[in-house]
Amino acid sequence: MIHPENPKKTDEPVGNLQKDPDDWVTGDEPMTAAQASYLKTLTEEAGEPFEPNLTKAEASKRIDALQQQTGRGARAS
């Protein structure tokens, strides 16, 4: 159910791992310090350039891609 006072809020449990970063209310804000730190680690491991001016949403997508590339953050089935 969508709440009329906040259309982004639903009764369905949705964590950040399931919600598309493009739909984040704060996705266009600068990435967090934690994202930057983890992204720096991942880019170094992958031999990729670190991009310091990403938004939260862009950083999340980049982290996901680099986790796939490096095998880091892979969940056990």
C-alpha atoms as a PDB file:
ATOM      1  CA  MET A   1       0.000   0.000   0.000  1.00  0.00           C
ATOM      2  CA  ILE A   2       1.303   3.471  -0.888  1.00  0.00           C
ATOM      3  CA  HIS A   3       0.891   6.136   1.784  1.00  0.00           C
ATOM      4  CA  PRO A   4      -0.730   9.378   0.557  1.00  0.00           C
ATOM      5  CA  GLU A   5       1.428  11.581   2.781  1.00  0.00           C
ATOM      6  CA  ASN A   6       4.620   9.992   1.437  1.00  0.00           C
ATOM      7  CA  PRO A   7       4.310   8.283  -1.961  1.00  0.00           C
ATOM      8  CA  LYS A   8       7.807   6.786  -1.621  1.00  0.00           C
ATOM      9  CA  LYS A   9       6.716   4.898   1.539  1.00  0.00           C
ATOM     10  CA  THR A  10       5.004   1.529   1.203  1.00  0.00           C
ATOM     11  CA  ASP A  11       3.984  -1.221   3.606  1.00  0.00           C
ATOM     12  CA  GLU A  12       6.201  -3.609   1.707  1.00  0.00           C
ATOM     13  CA  PRO A  13       9.589  -4.298   3.321  1.00  0.00           C
ATOM     14  CA  VAL A  14      12.186  -2.918   0.933  1.00  0.00           C
ATOM     15  CA  GLY A  15      15.816  -2.585   1.912  1.00  0.00           C
ATOM     16  CA  ASN A  16      18.435  -0.648  -0.010  1.00  0.00           C
ATOM     17  CA  LEU A  17      19.698  -3.911  -1.454  1.00  0.00           C
ATOM     18  CA  GLN A  18      16.350  -4.420  -3.193  1.00  0.00           C
ATOM     19  CA  LYS A  19      15.446  -0.843  -4.075  1.00  0.00           C
ATOM     20  CA  ASP A  20      16.815   0.571  -7.316  1.00  0.00           C
ATOM     21  CA  PRO A  21      19.288   3.385  -6.544  1.00  0.00           C
ATOM     22  CA  ASP A  22      17.593   5.466  -9.256  1.00  0.00           C
ATOM     23  CA  ASP A  23      14.511   5.519  -7.017  1.00  0.00           C
ATOM     24  CA  TRP A  24      16.323   6.743  -3.893  1.00  0.00           C
ATOM     25  CA  VAL A  25      15.034  10.087  -2.614  1.00  0.00           C
ATOM     26  CA  THR A  26      18.616  11.118  -1.733  1.00  0.00           C
ATOM     27  CA  GLY A  27      20.288   9.388  -4.691  1.00  0.00           C
ATOM     28  CA  ASP A  28      21.467  12.642  -6.249  1.00  0.00           C
ATOM     29  CA  GLU A  29      23.371  13.709  -3.117  1.00  0.00           C
ATOM     30  CA  PRO A  30      27.151  13.189  -2.983  1.00  0.00           C
ATOM     31  CA  MET A  31      28.239   9.687  -2.019  1.00  0.00           C
ATOM     32  CA  THR A  32      28.760   9.066   1.672  1.00  0.00           C
ATOM     33  CA  ALA A  33      32.176   8.755   3.289  1.00  0.00           C
ATOM     34  CA  ALA A  34      31.535   5.043   3.799  1.00  0.00           C
ATOM     35  CA  GLN A  35      30.690   4.585   0.111  1.00  0.00           C
ATOM     36  CA  ALA A  36      33.804   6.508  -0.909  1.00  0.00           C
ATOM     37  CA  SER A  37      36.025   4.430   1.361  1.00  0.00           C
ATOM     38  CA  TYR A  38      34.640   1.110   0.129  1.00  0.00           C
ATOM     39  CA  LEU A  39      34.661   2.267  -3.473  1.00  0.00           C
ATOM     40  CA  LYS A  40      38.310   3.290  -3.141  1.00  0.00           C
ATOM     41  CA  THR A  41      39.150  -0.200  -1.864  1.00  0.00           C
ATOM     42  CA  LEU A  42      37.212  -1.889  -4.654  1.00  0.00           C
ATOM     43  CA  THR A  43      38.698   0.274  -7.407  1.00  0.00           C
ATOM     44  CA  GLU A  44      42.214  -0.446  -6.150  1.00  0.00           C
ATOM     45  CA  GLU A  45      41.537  -4.194  -6.112  1.00  0.00           C
ATOM     46  CA  ALA A  46      40.029  -4.072  -9.601  1.00  0.00           C
ATOM     47  CA  GLY A  47      42.732  -1.806 -11.027  1.00  0.00           C
ATOM     48  CA  GLU A  48      40.050   0.737 -11.972  1.00  0.00           C
ATOM     49  CA  PRO A  49      40.128   4.518 -11.540  1.00  0.00           C
ATOM     50  CA  PHE A  50      38.446   5.991  -8.460  1.00  0.00           C
ATOM     51  CA  GLU A  51      35.827   8.628  -9.280  1.00  0.00           C
ATOM     52  CA  PRO A  52      35.473  10.952  -6.252  1.00  0.00           C
ATOM     53  CA  ASN A  53      32.475  12.986  -7.451  1.00  0.00           C
ATOM     54  CA  LEU A  54      29.799  10.300  -7.768  1.00  0.00           C
ATOM     55  CA  THR A  55      26.318  10.632  -6.318  1.00  0.00           C
ATOM     56  CA  LYS A  56      25.000   8.133  -3.772  1.00  0.00           C
ATOM     57  CA  ALA A  57      23.096   6.295  -6.496  1.00  0.00           C
ATOM     58  CA  GLU A  58      26.036   6.260  -8.911  1.00  0.00           C
ATOM     59  CA  ALA A  59      28.372   5.055  -6.153  1.00  0.00           C
ATOM     60  CA  SER A  60      25.974   2.259  -5.236  1.00  0.00           C
ATOM     61  CA  LYS A  61      25.812   1.063  -8.831  1.00  0.00           C
ATOM     62  CA  ARG A  62      29.601   1.283  -9.183  1.00  0.00           C
ATOM     63  CA  ILE A  63      30.064  -0.679  -5.956  1.00  0.00           C
ATOM     64  CA  ASP A  64      27.698  -3.383  -7.212  1.00  0.00           C
ATOM     65  CA  ALA A  65      29.584  -3.641 -10.504  1.00  0.00           C
ATOM     66  CA  LEU A  66      32.987  -3.761  -8.822  1.00  0.00           C
ATOM     67  CA  GLN A  67      31.793  -6.374  -6.326  1.00  0.00           C
ATOM     68  CA  GLN A  68      30.815  -8.556  -9.272  1.00  0.00           C
ATOM     69  CA  GLN A  69      34.176  -7.918 -10.924  1.00  0.00           C
ATOM     70  CA  THR A  70      36.277  -8.597  -7.822  1.00  0.00           C
ATOM     71  CA  GLY A  71      34.116 -11.246  -6.165  1.00  0.00           C
ATOM     72  CA  ARG A  72      33.986  -9.103  -3.046  1.00  0.00           C
ATOM     73  CA  GLY A  73      30.697  -8.886  -1.250  1.00  0.00           C
ATOM     74  CA  ALA A  74      29.404 -12.020  -2.950  1.00  0.00           C
ATOM     75  CA  ARG A  75      26.691 -13.650  -0.891  1.00  0.00           C
ATOM     76  CA  ALA A  76      26.798 -17.300  -0.042  1.00  0.00           C
ATOM     77  CA  SER A  77      23.757 -19.194  -1.324  1.00  0.00           C
END
